[in-house]
Every structure is written in C-alpha cells, then in structure tokens.
C-alpha atoms as a PDB file:
ATOM      1  CA  MET A   1    -116.457 -25.367 -46.536  1.00  0.00           C
ATOM      2  CA  THR A   2    -113.061 -24.232 -45.433  1.00  0.00           C
ATOM      3  CA  SER A   3    -114.415 -21.307 -43.475  1.00  0.00           C
ATOM      4  CA  SER A   4    -116.967 -23.471 -41.674  1.00  0.00           C
ATOM      5  CA  VAL A   5    -114.313 -25.943 -40.510  1.00  0.00           C
ATOM      6  CA  SER A   6    -111.903 -23.243 -39.247  1.00  0.00           C
ATOM      7  CA  SER A   7    -114.627 -21.554 -37.249  1.00  0.00           C
ATOM      8  CA  SER A   8    -115.669 -24.751 -35.474  1.00  0.00           C
ATOM      9  CA  PRO A   9    -115.748 -24.477 -31.620  1.00  0.00           C
ATOM     10  CA  ILE A  10    -114.157 -27.917 -31.250  1.00  0.00           C
ATOM     11  CA  SER A  11    -110.713 -27.604 -29.588  1.00  0.00           C
ATOM     12  CA  SER A  12    -107.579 -29.090 -31.004  1.00  0.00           C
ATOM     13  CA  PRO A  13    -105.725 -31.890 -29.147  1.00  0.00           C
ATOM     14  CA  ASN A  14    -102.884 -29.489 -28.240  1.00  0.00           C
ATOM     15  CA  LEU A  15    -105.266 -27.063 -26.628  1.00  0.00           C
ATOM     16  CA  LEU A  16    -106.901 -29.863 -24.658  1.00  0.00           C
ATOM     17  CA  LYS A  17    -103.491 -31.024 -23.436  1.00  0.00           C
ATOM     18  CA  SER A  18    -102.486 -27.570 -22.174  1.00  0.00           C
ATOM     19  CA  LYS A  19    -105.733 -27.138 -20.270  1.00  0.00           C
ATOM     20  CA  THR A  20    -105.281 -30.508 -18.640  1.00  0.00           C
ATOM     21  CA  TYR A  21    -101.930 -29.497 -17.015  1.00  0.00           C
ATOM     22  CA  SER A  22    -102.875 -25.935 -15.912  1.00  0.00           C
ATOM     23  CA  LYS A  23    -104.613 -26.890 -12.617  1.00  0.00           C
ATOM     24  CA  PRO A  24    -101.622 -28.513 -10.878  1.00  0.00           C
ATOM     25  CA  TYR A  25     -99.518 -25.412 -11.611  1.00  0.00           C
ATOM     26  CA  HIS A  26    -102.125 -23.165  -9.995  1.00  0.00           C
ATOM     27  CA  ILE A  27    -102.231 -25.363  -6.893  1.00  0.00           C
ATOM     28  CA  GLU A  28     -98.423 -25.388  -6.534  1.00  0.00           C
ATOM     29  CA  ILE A  29     -98.191 -21.607  -6.899  1.00  0.00           C
ATOM     30  CA  GLY A  30    -100.915 -21.167  -4.281  1.00  0.00           C
ATOM     31  CA  ILE A  31     -99.086 -23.424  -1.841  1.00  0.00           C
ATOM     32  CA  ILE A  32     -95.834 -21.491  -2.370  1.00  0.00           C
ATOM     33  CA  VAL A  33     -97.559 -18.129  -1.817  1.00  0.00           C
ATOM     34  CA  LEU A  34     -99.248 -19.433   1.344  1.00  0.00           C
ATOM     35  CA  PHE A  35     -95.911 -20.751   2.635  1.00  0.00           C
ATOM     36  CA  LEU A  36     -94.211 -17.417   2.050  1.00  0.00           C
ATOM     37  CA  CYS A  37     -97.047 -15.517   3.726  1.00  0.00           C
ATOM     38  CA  LEU A  38     -96.664 -17.668   6.821  1.00  0.00           C
ATOM     39  CA  THR A  39     -92.866 -17.809   7.035  1.00  0.00           C
ATOM     40  CA  ILE A  40     -91.808 -14.247   6.144  1.00  0.00           C
ATOM     41  CA  PRO A  41     -93.606 -12.578   9.109  1.00  0.00           C
ATOM     42  CA  SER A  42     -92.216 -15.272  11.405  1.00  0.00           C
ATOM     43  CA  LEU A  43     -88.679 -14.637  10.143  1.00  0.00           C
ATOM     44  CA  ILE A  44     -89.098 -10.886  10.669  1.00  0.00           C
ATOM     45  CA  VAL A  45     -90.301 -11.376  14.250  1.00  0.00           C
ATOM     46  CA  LEU A  46     -87.464 -13.789  15.025  1.00  0.00           C
ATOM     47  CA  SER A  47     -84.862 -11.406  13.574  1.00  0.00           C
ATOM     48  CA  LEU A  48     -86.206  -8.537  15.694  1.00  0.00           C
ATOM     49  CA  ILE A  49     -86.067 -10.686  18.831  1.00  0.00           C
ATOM     50  CA  TYR A  50     -82.507 -11.726  18.031  1.00  0.00           C
ATOM     51  CA  ARG A  51     -81.496  -8.121  17.340  1.00  0.00           C
ATOM     52  CA  ARG A  52     -82.978  -6.976  20.647  1.00  0.00           C
ATOM     53  CA  GLN A  53     -81.095  -9.660  22.544  1.00  0.00           C
ATOM     54  CA  THR A  54     -77.743  -9.055  20.868  1.00  0.00           C
ATOM     55  CA  LEU A  55     -77.743  -5.224  20.911  1.00  0.00           C
ATOM     56  CA  PRO A  56     -77.060  -3.340  24.186  1.00  0.00           C
ATOM     57  CA  SER A  57     -80.236  -3.035  26.236  1.00  0.00           C
ATOM     58  CA  SER A  58     -79.780   0.714  26.725  1.00  0.00           C
ATOM     59  CA  PRO A  59     -77.543   3.544  25.523  1.00  0.00           C
ATOM     60  CA  SER A  60     -75.784   3.528  28.901  1.00  0.00           C
ATOM     61  CA  SER A  61     -74.035   0.267  28.124  1.00  0.00           C
ATOM     62  CA  ILE A  62     -72.510   1.865  25.024  1.00  0.00           C
ATOM     63  CA  PHE A  63     -71.202   4.730  27.122  1.00  0.00           C
ATOM     64  CA  ASP A  64     -69.912   2.467  29.886  1.00  0.00           C
ATOM     65  CA  ASP A  65     -67.626   0.596  27.484  1.00  0.00           C
ATOM     66  CA  ASN A  66     -66.023   3.826  26.320  1.00  0.00           C
ATOM     67  CA  PHE A  67     -65.437   5.585  29.652  1.00  0.00           C
ATOM     68  CA  HIS A  68     -61.929   5.280  31.033  1.00  0.00           C
ATOM     69  CA  GLN A  69     -60.971   5.822  34.652  1.00  0.00           C
ATOM     70  CA  ILE A  70     -58.007   8.150  35.123  1.00  0.00           C
ATOM     71  CA  SER A  71     -56.268   8.236  38.493  1.00  0.00           C
ATOM     72  CA  LEU A  72     -54.728  11.382  39.960  1.00  0.00           C
ATOM     73  CA  ILE A  73     -51.959   9.318  41.507  1.00  0.00           C
ATOM     74  CA  ASN A  74     -49.319  11.906  40.529  1.00  0.00           C
ATOM     75  CA  TYR A  75     -51.025  14.517  42.713  1.00  0.00           C
ATOM     76  CA  PRO A  76     -50.610  13.471  46.364  1.00  0.00           C
ATOM     77  CA  ASN A  77     -53.138  16.006  47.680  1.00  0.00           C
ATOM     78  CA  ALA A  78     -55.878  14.949  45.250  1.00  0.00           C
ATOM     79  CA  ARG A  79     -57.460  12.589  47.752  1.00  0.00           C
ATOM     80  CA  CYS A  80     -61.001  11.647  48.626  1.00  0.00           C
ATOM     81  CA  MET A  81     -62.506  11.839  52.085  1.00  0.00           C
ATOM     82  CA  ASP A  82     -61.535   8.200  52.738  1.00  0.00           C
ATOM     83  CA  ASN A  83     -57.912   9.226  51.964  1.00  0.00           C
ATOM     84  CA  SER A  84     -57.830   7.242  48.709  1.00  0.00           C
ATOM     85  CA  ILE A  85     -56.457   8.765  45.493  1.00  0.00           C
ATOM     86  CA  ALA A  86     -59.229  10.470  43.530  1.00  0.00           C
ATOM     87  CA  SER A  87     -60.121   9.505  39.958  1.00  0.00           C
ATOM     88  CA  TYR A  88     -62.166  10.951  37.145  1.00  0.00           C
ATOM     89  CA  TYR A  89     -63.613   9.445  33.957  1.00  0.00           C
ATOM     90  CA  VAL A  90     -63.189  10.378  30.299  1.00  0.00           C
ATOM     91  CA  ARG A  91     -65.067   9.295  27.178  1.00  0.00           C
ATOM     92  CA  LEU A  92     -63.598  10.422  23.869  1.00  0.00           C
ATOM     93  CA  ALA A  93     -65.868  11.018  20.890  1.00  0.00           C
ATOM     94  CA  ASN A  94     -64.879  11.167  17.240  1.00  0.00           C
ATOM     95  CA  ASN A  95     -64.601  14.946  17.007  1.00  0.00           C
ATOM     96  CA  ARG A  96     -60.825  15.479  17.285  1.00  0.00           C
ATOM     97  CA  HIS A  97     -61.195  16.645  20.898  1.00  0.00           C
ATOM     98  CA  SER A  98     -62.878  19.868  19.770  1.00  0.00           C
ATOM     99  CA  ARG A  99     -66.047  19.764  21.913  1.00  0.00           C
ATOM    100  CA  TRP A 100     -66.129  18.888  25.605  1.00  0.00           C
ATOM    101  CA  LEU A 101     -68.705  18.463  28.331  1.00  0.00           C
ATOM    102  CA  ILE A 102     -67.094  18.579  31.785  1.00  0.00           C
ATOM    103  CA  TYR A 103     -69.437  17.450  34.557  1.00  0.00           C
ATOM    104  CA  PHE A 104     -68.813  17.968  38.274  1.00  0.00           C
ATOM    105  CA  ASP A 105     -71.142  15.958  40.452  1.00  0.00           C
ATOM    106  CA  GLY A 106     -72.638  16.886  43.809  1.00  0.00           C
ATOM    107  CA  GLY A 107     -74.095  15.272  46.888  1.00  0.00           C
ATOM    108  CA  TRP A 108     -74.429  17.548  49.956  1.00  0.00           C
ATOM    109  CA  PHE A 109     -71.480  18.159  52.309  1.00  0.00           C
ATOM    110  CA  CYS A 110     -70.305  17.744  55.894  1.00  0.00           C
ATOM    111  CA  TYR A 111     -68.971  20.600  57.992  1.00  0.00           C
ATOM    112  CA  SER A 112     -67.679  19.123  61.267  1.00  0.00           C
ATOM    113  CA  LYS A 113     -66.142  15.968  62.683  1.00  0.00           C
ATOM    114  CA  ASP A 114     -69.529  14.670  63.820  1.00  0.00           C
ATOM    115  CA  SER A 115     -71.320  15.359  60.529  1.00  0.00           C
ATOM    116  CA  CYS A 116     -68.418  13.873  58.539  1.00  0.00           C
ATOM    117  CA  ASP A 117     -68.331  10.745  60.725  1.00  0.00           C
ATOM    118  CA  PHE A 118     -72.057  10.378  60.059  1.00  0.00           C
ATOM    119  CA  ARG A 119     -71.405  10.722  56.320  1.00  0.00           C
ATOM    120  CA  ARG A 120     -68.679   8.074  56.413  1.00  0.00           C
ATOM    121  CA  GLN A 121     -71.041   5.659  58.097  1.00  0.00           C
ATOM    122  CA  PHE A 122     -74.218   6.212  56.116  1.00  0.00           C
ATOM    123  CA  SER A 123     -73.010   7.541  52.727  1.00  0.00           C
ATOM    124  CA  PRO A 124     -69.843   5.542  51.975  1.00  0.00           C
ATOM    125  CA  ASP A 125     -70.322   5.925  48.201  1.00  0.00           C
ATOM    126  CA  LEU A 126     -69.898   9.701  48.532  1.00  0.00           C
ATOM    127  CA  ILE A 127     -66.435   9.607  50.109  1.00  0.00           C
ATOM    128  CA  THR A 128     -64.530   7.683  47.417  1.00  0.00           C
ATOM    129  CA  THR A 129     -64.214   7.193  43.661  1.00  0.00           C
ATOM    130  CA  LYS A 130     -63.342   3.509  43.968  1.00  0.00           C
ATOM    131  CA  ASN A 131     -66.753   1.964  43.376  1.00  0.00           C
ATOM    132  CA  ILE A 132     -68.427   4.184  40.813  1.00  0.00           C
ATOM    133  CA  ASN A 133     -71.603   2.671  39.363  1.00  0.00           C
ATOM    134  CA  GLN A 134     -71.178   3.631  35.715  1.00  0.00           C
ATOM    135  CA  LYS A 135     -74.717   2.684  34.714  1.00  0.00           C
ATOM    136  CA  LYS A 136     -76.052   5.113  37.296  1.00  0.00           C
ATOM    137  CA  PHE A 137     -73.723   8.044  36.785  1.00  0.00           C
ATOM    138  CA  PHE A 138     -73.324   7.909  32.991  1.00  0.00           C
ATOM    139  CA  SER A 139     -76.982   8.516  32.276  1.00  0.00           C
ATOM    140  CA  GLY A 140     -79.258  11.540  32.079  1.00  0.00           C
ATOM    141  CA  ILE A 141     -77.687  14.633  30.547  1.00  0.00           C
ATOM    142  CA  LEU A 142     -74.603  12.741  29.357  1.00  0.00           C
ATOM    143  CA  HIS A 143     -76.675  10.823  26.790  1.00  0.00           C
ATOM    144  CA  SER A 144     -77.788  14.076  25.175  1.00  0.00           C
ATOM    145  CA  PHE A 145     -74.176  14.860  24.312  1.00  0.00           C
ATOM    146  CA  LYS A 146     -73.094  11.753  22.433  1.00  0.00           C
ATOM    147  CA  GLN A 147     -71.064  13.822  19.985  1.00  0.00           C
ATOM    148  CA  TYR A 148     -69.088  15.462  22.784  1.00  0.00           C
ATOM    149  CA  ASN A 149     -66.031  14.287  24.627  1.00  0.00           C
ATOM    150  CA  ILE A 150     -67.119  13.865  28.239  1.00  0.00           C
ATOM    151  CA  LEU A 151     -65.120  14.332  31.422  1.00  0.00           C
ATOM    152  CA  TYR A 152     -66.999  13.178  34.504  1.00  0.00           C
ATOM    153  CA  ALA A 153     -65.684  14.117  37.963  1.00  0.00           C
ATOM    154  CA  PRO A 154     -67.292  12.205  40.861  1.00  0.00           C
ATOM    155  CA  TYR A 155     -67.739  14.076  44.147  1.00  0.00           C
ATOM    156  CA  CYS A 156     -65.806  12.440  46.971  1.00  0.00           C
ATOM    157  CA  SER A 157     -64.445  15.321  49.070  1.00  0.00           C
ATOM    158  CA  SER A 158     -67.658  16.427  50.856  1.00  0.00           C
ATOM    159  CA  ASP A 159     -66.430  20.050  50.884  1.00  0.00           C
ATOM    160  CA  LEU A 160     -68.172  21.727  47.925  1.00  0.00           C
ATOM    161  CA  TRP A 161     -65.011  21.165  45.859  1.00  0.00           C
ATOM    162  CA  SER A 162     -63.331  23.893  47.914  1.00  0.00           C
ATOM    163  CA  GLY A 163     -61.114  22.309  50.597  1.00  0.00           C
ATOM    164  CA  SER A 164     -57.402  21.748  50.976  1.00  0.00           C
ATOM    165  CA  SER A 165     -56.825  20.124  54.368  1.00  0.00           C
ATOM    166  CA  ASN A 166     -54.805  17.029  55.241  1.00  0.00           C
ATOM    167  CA  LEU A 167     -56.174  17.188  58.777  1.00  0.00           C
ATOM    168  CA  THR A 168     -59.820  16.685  57.766  1.00  0.00           C
ATOM    169  CA  HIS A 169     -59.185  14.898  54.420  1.00  0.00           C
ATOM    170  CA  SER A 170     -60.922  17.748  52.585  1.00  0.00           C
ATOM    171  CA  HIS A 171     -59.307  18.090  49.166  1.00  0.00           C
ATOM    172  CA  GLY A 172     -62.021  19.173  46.732  1.00  0.00           C
ATOM    173  CA  TYR A 173     -60.029  22.207  45.611  1.00  0.00           C
ATOM    174  CA  ASP A 174     -56.924  20.058  45.080  1.00  0.00           C
ATOM    175  CA  ILE A 175     -58.866  17.459  43.066  1.00  0.00           C
ATOM    176  CA  PHE A 176     -60.544  20.105  40.897  1.00  0.00           C
ATOM    177  CA  HIS A 177     -57.322  21.777  39.824  1.00  0.00           C
ATOM    178  CA  ALA A 178     -55.346  18.526  39.514  1.00  0.00           C
ATOM    179  CA  ILE A 179     -57.828  17.364  36.859  1.00  0.00           C
ATOM    180  CA  PHE A 180     -57.127  20.382  34.662  1.00  0.00           C
ATOM    181  CA  HIS A 181     -53.412  20.320  35.331  1.00  0.00           C
ATOM    182  CA  GLN A 182     -53.283  16.728  34.072  1.00  0.00           C
ATOM    183  CA  GLU A 183     -55.823  16.845  31.237  1.00  0.00           C
ATOM    184  CA  ASN A 184     -53.987  17.552  27.962  1.00  0.00           C
ATOM    185  CA  TYR A 185     -56.911  16.886  25.623  1.00  0.00           C
ATOM    186  CA  LEU A 186     -58.371  20.348  26.253  1.00  0.00           C
ATOM    187  CA  GLN A 187     -55.526  21.964  24.329  1.00  0.00           C
ATOM    188  CA  HIS A 188     -57.445  21.224  21.114  1.00  0.00           C
ATOM    189  CA  ALA A 189     -60.872  22.272  22.405  1.00  0.00           C
ATOM    190  CA  LYS A 190     -63.061  24.689  20.481  1.00  0.00           C
ATOM    191  CA  GLN A 191     -66.015  24.517  22.857  1.00  0.00           C
ATOM    192  CA  ILE A 192     -66.164  23.541  26.543  1.00  0.00           C
ATOM    193  CA  LEU A 193     -69.426  23.168  28.436  1.00  0.00           C
ATOM    194  CA  PHE A 194     -68.941  23.063  32.215  1.00  0.00           C
ATOM    195  CA  VAL A 195     -71.837  21.519  34.140  1.00  0.00           C
ATOM    196  CA  GLY A 196     -72.093  21.407  37.919  1.00  0.00           C
ATOM    197  CA  PHE A 197     -74.895  19.849  39.932  1.00  0.00           C
ATOM    198  CA  SER A 198     -75.550  20.949  43.525  1.00  0.00           C
ATOM    199  CA  ALA A 199     -72.154  20.861  45.287  1.00  0.00           C
ATOM    200  CA  GLY A 200     -70.596  20.531  41.831  1.00  0.00           C
ATOM    201  CA  GLY A 201     -72.247  23.793  40.796  1.00  0.00           C
ATOM    202  CA  LEU A 202     -70.867  25.560  43.862  1.00  0.00           C
ATOM    203  CA  GLY A 203     -67.478  24.104  42.999  1.00  0.00           C
ATOM    204  CA  LEU A 204     -67.667  25.700  39.546  1.00  0.00           C
ATOM    205  CA  LEU A 205     -68.670  29.065  41.003  1.00  0.00           C
ATOM    206  CA  LEU A 206     -65.696  28.963  43.374  1.00  0.00           C
ATOM    207  CA  ASN A 207     -63.007  27.530  41.102  1.00  0.00           C
ATOM    208  CA  LEU A 208     -63.730  28.626  37.540  1.00  0.00           C
ATOM    209  CA  PRO A 209     -62.622  32.261  38.000  1.00  0.00           C
ATOM    210  CA  ASP A 210     -59.050  31.024  38.535  1.00  0.00           C
ATOM    211  CA  LEU A 211     -59.330  28.456  35.737  1.00  0.00           C
ATOM    212  CA  PHE A 212     -60.715  30.596  32.910  1.00  0.00           C
ATOM    213  CA  PRO A 213     -57.495  32.584  32.277  1.00  0.00           C
ATOM    214  CA  LYS A 214     -55.740  29.327  31.361  1.00  0.00           C
ATOM    215  CA  PHE A 215     -57.997  28.818  28.327  1.00  0.00           C
ATOM    216  CA  SER A 216     -57.510  30.418  24.936  1.00  0.00           C
ATOM    217  CA  SER A 217     -59.821  33.320  24.150  1.00  0.00           C
ATOM    218  CA  HIS A 218     -60.856  31.445  20.982  1.00  0.00           C
ATOM    219  CA  ILE A 219     -62.585  28.671  22.982  1.00  0.00           C
ATOM    220  CA  ASP A 220     -66.365  28.935  23.331  1.00  0.00           C
ATOM    221  CA  LEU A 221     -66.828  28.588  27.119  1.00  0.00           C
ATOM    222  CA  ARG A 222     -70.266  27.830  28.565  1.00  0.00           C
ATOM    223  CA  VAL A 223     -71.438  27.039  32.096  1.00  0.00           C
ATOM    224  CA  ILE A 224     -74.553  25.340  33.481  1.00  0.00           C
ATOM    225  CA  ILE A 225     -75.099  25.685  37.239  1.00  0.00           C
ATOM    226  CA  ASP A 226     -77.804  23.279  38.412  1.00  0.00           C
ATOM    227  CA  SER A 227     -79.294  23.603  41.925  1.00  0.00           C
ATOM    228  CA  ALA A 228     -76.411  25.628  43.345  1.00  0.00           C
ATOM    229  CA  TRP A 229     -77.624  29.218  43.385  1.00  0.00           C
ATOM    230  CA  PHE A 230     -77.389  30.232  47.044  1.00  0.00           C
ATOM    231  CA  PHE A 231     -78.239  33.706  48.309  1.00  0.00           C
ATOM    232  CA  ASP A 232     -77.846  35.489  51.633  1.00  0.00           C
ATOM    233  CA  TYR A 233     -81.217  34.853  53.276  1.00  0.00           C
ATOM    234  CA  SER A 234     -80.931  37.283  56.174  1.00  0.00           C
ATOM    235  CA  ASP A 235     -84.212  36.206  57.786  1.00  0.00           C
ATOM    236  CA  ASN A 236     -82.666  32.869  58.740  1.00  0.00           C
ATOM    237  CA  PRO A 237     -78.863  32.600  58.975  1.00  0.00           C
ATOM    238  CA  ASN A 238     -78.772  28.887  59.881  1.00  0.00           C
ATOM    239  CA  GLY A 239     -77.598  27.761  56.445  1.00  0.00           C
ATOM    240  CA  ILE A 240     -74.886  30.390  56.143  1.00  0.00           C
ATOM    241  CA  SER A 241     -73.561  29.520  59.600  1.00  0.00           C
ATOM    242  CA  LYS A 242     -73.162  25.873  58.547  1.00  0.00           C
ATOM    243  CA  ILE A 243     -71.308  26.887  55.382  1.00  0.00           C
ATOM    244  CA  ASN A 244     -69.072  29.256  57.351  1.00  0.00           C
ATOM    245  CA  GLN A 245     -68.310  26.452  59.792  1.00  0.00           C
ATOM    246  CA  GLY A 246     -67.557  24.129  56.893  1.00  0.00           C
ATOM    247  CA  MET A 247     -65.252  26.581  55.136  1.00  0.00           C
ATOM    248  CA  ILE A 248     -63.074  26.731  58.249  1.00  0.00           C
ATOM    249  CA  TYR A 249     -63.173  22.935  58.662  1.00  0.00           C
ATOM    250  CA  TRP A 250     -62.220  22.351  55.008  1.00  0.00           C
ATOM    251  CA  ASN A 251     -59.618  25.123  54.805  1.00  0.00           C
ATOM    252  CA  THR A 252     -61.550  26.431  51.816  1.00  0.00           C
ATOM    253  CA  GLN A 253     -59.508  28.070  49.063  1.00  0.00           C
ATOM    254  CA  ILE A 254     -61.117  31.202  47.667  1.00  0.00           C
ATOM    255  CA  SER A 255     -60.234  32.756  44.325  1.00  0.00           C
ATOM    256  CA  SER A 256     -57.837  35.653  44.750  1.00  0.00           C
ATOM    257  CA  SER A 257     -60.147  37.688  42.535  1.00  0.00           C
ATOM    258  CA  CYS A 258     -62.881  37.574  45.209  1.00  0.00           C
ATOM    259  CA  GLN A 259     -62.095  40.399  47.636  1.00  0.00           C
ATOM    260  CA  LEU A 260     -65.283  40.255  49.716  1.00  0.00           C
ATOM    261  CA  GLU A 261     -64.743  40.660  53.446  1.00  0.00           C
ATOM    262  CA  SER A 262     -67.128  37.813  54.310  1.00  0.00           C
ATOM    263  CA  ARG A 263     -65.557  34.813  52.593  1.00  0.00           C
ATOM    264  CA  TYR A 264     -68.793  32.826  52.337  1.00  0.00           C
ATOM    265  CA  LYS A 265     -70.216  35.459  49.983  1.00  0.00           C
ATOM    266  CA  CYS A 266     -67.735  34.347  47.327  1.00  0.00           C
ATOM    267  CA  LEU A 267     -69.877  31.241  46.735  1.00  0.00           C
ATOM    268  CA  LEU A 268     -73.172  33.124  46.514  1.00  0.00           C
ATOM    269  CA  GLY A 269     -74.390  33.028  42.927  1.00  0.00           C
ATOM    270  CA  SER A 270     -74.933  36.754  42.418  1.00  0.00           C
ATOM    271  CA  GLU A 271     -71.403  37.518  43.656  1.00  0.00           C
ATOM    272  CA  ALA A 272     -69.564  34.594  42.049  1.00  0.00           C
ATOM    273  CA  ILE A 273     -70.709  35.296  38.486  1.00  0.00           C
ATOM    274  CA  LYS A 274     -69.266  38.809  38.690  1.00  0.00           C
ATOM    275  CA  LEU A 275     -65.861  37.139  38.429  1.00  0.00           C
ATOM    276  CA  PHE A 276     -66.761  35.284  35.208  1.00  0.00           C
ATOM    277  CA  PRO A 277     -65.580  36.811  31.906  1.00  0.00           C
ATOM    278  CA  SER A 278     -68.401  38.493  30.010  1.00  0.00           C
ATOM    279  CA  SER A 279     -67.787  36.183  27.041  1.00  0.00           C
ATOM    280  CA  VAL A 280     -68.786  33.103  29.082  1.00  0.00           C
ATOM    281  CA  LYS A 281     -72.407  32.059  28.570  1.00  0.00           C
ATOM    282  CA  ILE A 282     -74.140  31.019  31.816  1.00  0.00           C
ATOM    283  CA  LEU A 283     -77.361  29.070  32.375  1.00  0.00           C
ATOM    284  CA  ILE A 284     -78.763  28.804  35.904  1.00  0.00           C
ATOM    285  CA  ILE A 285     -81.188  25.982  36.713  1.00  0.00           C
ATOM    286  CA  GLN A 286     -82.667  26.606  40.147  1.00  0.00           C
ATOM    287  CA  SER A 287     -85.887  25.492  41.827  1.00  0.00           C
ATOM    288  CA  LEU A 288     -87.564  28.287  43.779  1.00  0.00           C
ATOM    289  CA  PHE A 289     -88.382  25.662  46.405  1.00  0.00           C
ATOM    290  CA  ASP A 290     -84.911  24.142  46.619  1.00  0.00           C
ATOM    291  CA  LEU A 291     -85.223  21.484  49.323  1.00  0.00           C
ATOM    292  CA  THR A 292     -81.494  21.626  50.051  1.00  0.00           C
ATOM    293  CA  GLN A 293     -81.568  25.300  50.963  1.00  0.00           C
ATOM    294  CA  LEU A 294     -84.894  25.006  52.767  1.00  0.00           C
ATOM    295  CA  TYR A 295     -83.515  22.160  54.862  1.00  0.00           C
ATOM    296  CA  LEU A 296     -80.204  23.911  55.455  1.00  0.00           C
ATOM    297  CA  ASP A 297     -81.937  27.104  56.571  1.00  0.00           C
ATOM    298  CA  LYS A 298     -84.581  25.147  58.525  1.00  0.00           C
ATOM    299  CA  ILE A 299     -87.357  26.810  56.573  1.00  0.00           C
ATOM    300  CA  ASN A 300     -90.837  25.377  56.167  1.00  0.00           C
ATOM    301  CA  LEU A 301     -91.676  24.256  52.637  1.00  0.00           C
ATOM    302  CA  ASN A 302     -94.633  26.668  52.627  1.00  0.00           C
ATOM    303  CA  ALA A 303     -92.429  29.674  53.414  1.00  0.00           C
ATOM    304  CA  TYR A 304     -93.106  31.619  50.223  1.00  0.00           C
ATOM    305  CA  ASP A 305     -91.016  34.562  51.410  1.00  0.00           C
ATOM    306  CA  PHE A 306     -87.853  32.528  50.769  1.00  0.00           C
ATOM    307  CA  SER A 307     -88.953  31.625  47.243  1.00  0.00           C
ATOM    308  CA  LEU A 308     -89.872  35.211  46.383  1.00  0.00           C
ATOM    309  CA  LYS A 309     -86.506  36.503  47.581  1.00  0.00           C
ATOM    310  CA  LEU A 310     -84.686  33.767  45.666  1.00  0.00           C
ATOM    311  CA  ARG A 311     -86.617  34.761  42.544  1.00  0.00           C
ATOM    312  CA  ASP A 312     -85.716  38.428  43.048  1.00  0.00           C
ATOM    313  CA  ASN A 313     -82.064  37.519  43.578  1.00  0.00           C
ATOM    314  CA  LEU A 314     -82.025  35.637  40.275  1.00  0.00           C
ATOM    315  CA  ARG A 315     -83.703  38.544  38.499  1.00  0.00           C
ATOM    316  CA  GLN A 316     -81.038  40.958  39.711  1.00  0.00           C
ATOM    317  CA  SER A 317     -78.481  38.928  37.755  1.00  0.00           C
ATOM    318  CA  SER A 318     -80.706  38.276  34.728  1.00  0.00           C
ATOM    319  CA  HIS A 319     -78.716  40.724  32.579  1.00  0.00           C
ATOM    320  CA  ARG A 320     -75.776  38.339  32.851  1.00  0.00           C
ATOM    321  CA  ILE A 321     -77.364  34.880  32.988  1.00  0.00           C
ATOM    322  CA  SER A 322     -80.070  32.756  31.398  1.00  0.00           C
ATOM    323  CA  ILE A 323     -82.471  31.329  33.971  1.00  0.00           C
ATOM    324  CA  PHE A 324     -84.703  28.293  34.279  1.00  0.00           C
ATOM    325  CA  ALA A 325     -86.429  28.523  37.671  1.00  0.00           C
ATOM    326  CA  PRO A 326     -89.354  26.114  38.165  1.00  0.00           C
ATOM    327  CA  SER A 327     -91.563  26.427  41.229  1.00  0.00           C
ATOM    328  CA  CYS A 328     -91.483  22.751  42.147  1.00  0.00           C
ATOM    329  CA  PRO A 329     -89.237  21.282  44.909  1.00  0.00           C
END
C-alpha cells in the first residue's frame, strides 16, 4: 500500500504552486533580454558617433596643435622676399630630442625683376611665412614620422635657398644657416633626416656641405632629395641660362668646397653629392619626366632623349646614392 501511494502521478500542492508562478518569470526574462538586445547596439552606435565628433577629424589637427612658430627676428638678414622676418616651425616629440626630421620646402623660383614681380602678384603665399596654412603643409610625409621631432622650413625666398642680397630681397642662404645657428635642440640628436622638395632639395645640395662639419660624427645623418636632381642637358641650355641668371640676381652663396669653374654646376646633383661625407646616406627621388625641368628647358613632354640622359646621369652616381626614379611626370 505504501509503495502504491508514493508512486502515484498526482502532484503535491507545493509542486502545483511552483508551476503556477513559473510563466510570469519566463515572460519577464524574455522582455529584459529583448530590451537589452535593442538598446545595447543603439548605445554602441551612439558612442561611436560621439567619439567621432569629439576626436580630431584627422591626424593633421593633432600635429597643428603641437607645431610652434619660431621667428628669426635676431637675424636681420633672414628675411623673406616680401622683406618680412622669416620663421620656421618645430614640433617636439617625446624622444628626448634624439631623432629629427628637417624639411625644407620648395616652390619654383624667380630669376629677374620681371619674373619676381610676377611672383609677388600671383604667388603671394610663396614670398612670406606669415600666413602658413598648417593643415596643408603639416600633412603627407610628416605624418609618417610621428615619433620624430620635426622642423619645417617654409620656402619664402624664391632663390633656391641660395641667395644673400638686400637689393633683391633674396635671402634663402641667410635663412637656411640662421635656422641652424639658432636651433639648440640638435645638440642632443642621434639621428637627423634632412628632406628637401624641389627648390628645398636644391637648397640642401648647396648648403649641406658647409653644415655637415658642425655635427658630431656620432650622429646618423640621412638626406632625401625629392625632385631636385638637375643635370647639364647640353642639347638645350635654356634651363641652365635661367639658373645662371638667377644666381647673379640672388647673389648666390656657393660652398667653399665646390671649386668648379662654372658656378651653376655646384647645384647639379652628380657634382653636389661629391661634397657629402661618405657616411651620409642619400636617397634621390626623381621623375624621369620631371615637368619642372622639361618646362625650364622648353622640352616637349615626349622628348625621350632627355629622360634617357637623366636616367644615365642618375646611374653614374648610383654607387653613392639610393634611387627611386619613376617614369611618370
């Protein structure tokens, strides 16, 4: 009898009571799960939108806040073409001043009163350092060197960084050397990467031979010359004649170590690098269809003879330099 009663399928009152209250709990849990499924994605999306709005829109804005303009007011000859005092810009990174990127900008040149008057009228941003657009200039290669201290030198002298003339307001040489006379941070440098674009590259070729001896032999010195490898294209001397005319107009200062009879040859790439110490690593970036040289020499874009001779000129120096020479303009 006892066994038959205990095995009966009839549920006890307690069991019935617990089953009665189980459904509402399941419904409440389901509602909570549904609520979380709907709200969590929405919160994530909203947080991403807020983060995008509050963070700087691009890396350039981070750089802009950290660049500081430094005036060369203590150097009376360090003046731009508009006769204003030249400035440069410095951004310090957290590396105890050990690694530096020093960038000299370019932007064509003028070689006579008429061409310089034209430049003043139609390219006013290239004759002063007063109104530098930081978002424009502190982009590109500078963002690849976030861990480096950066010194940026705008081009405002219109003389390939080579002139020293009060008469024509050509003071590129004076500006170049005033920067390094004033800049004390480089005393702690372990690596310096000099970069020059176009006229800035020519400025490095002309001025670095006199600057290198001032640096300790323990500093790792490197140079990138971008779009500034000129050669003596004898088939068409138009470009060289303009540079010769400009060098007289600017009162160009040539390194004392360059003893070439024709002064313009001191800025030709294959000659200039002979004055660089062998320990300095050099990278040349040069289009074989460089529009600047083609325009300067009045050469048709399809004149392959120019490109072949430029290629050969680069190859002659390949034992000393690394080369990137694309065939696009």
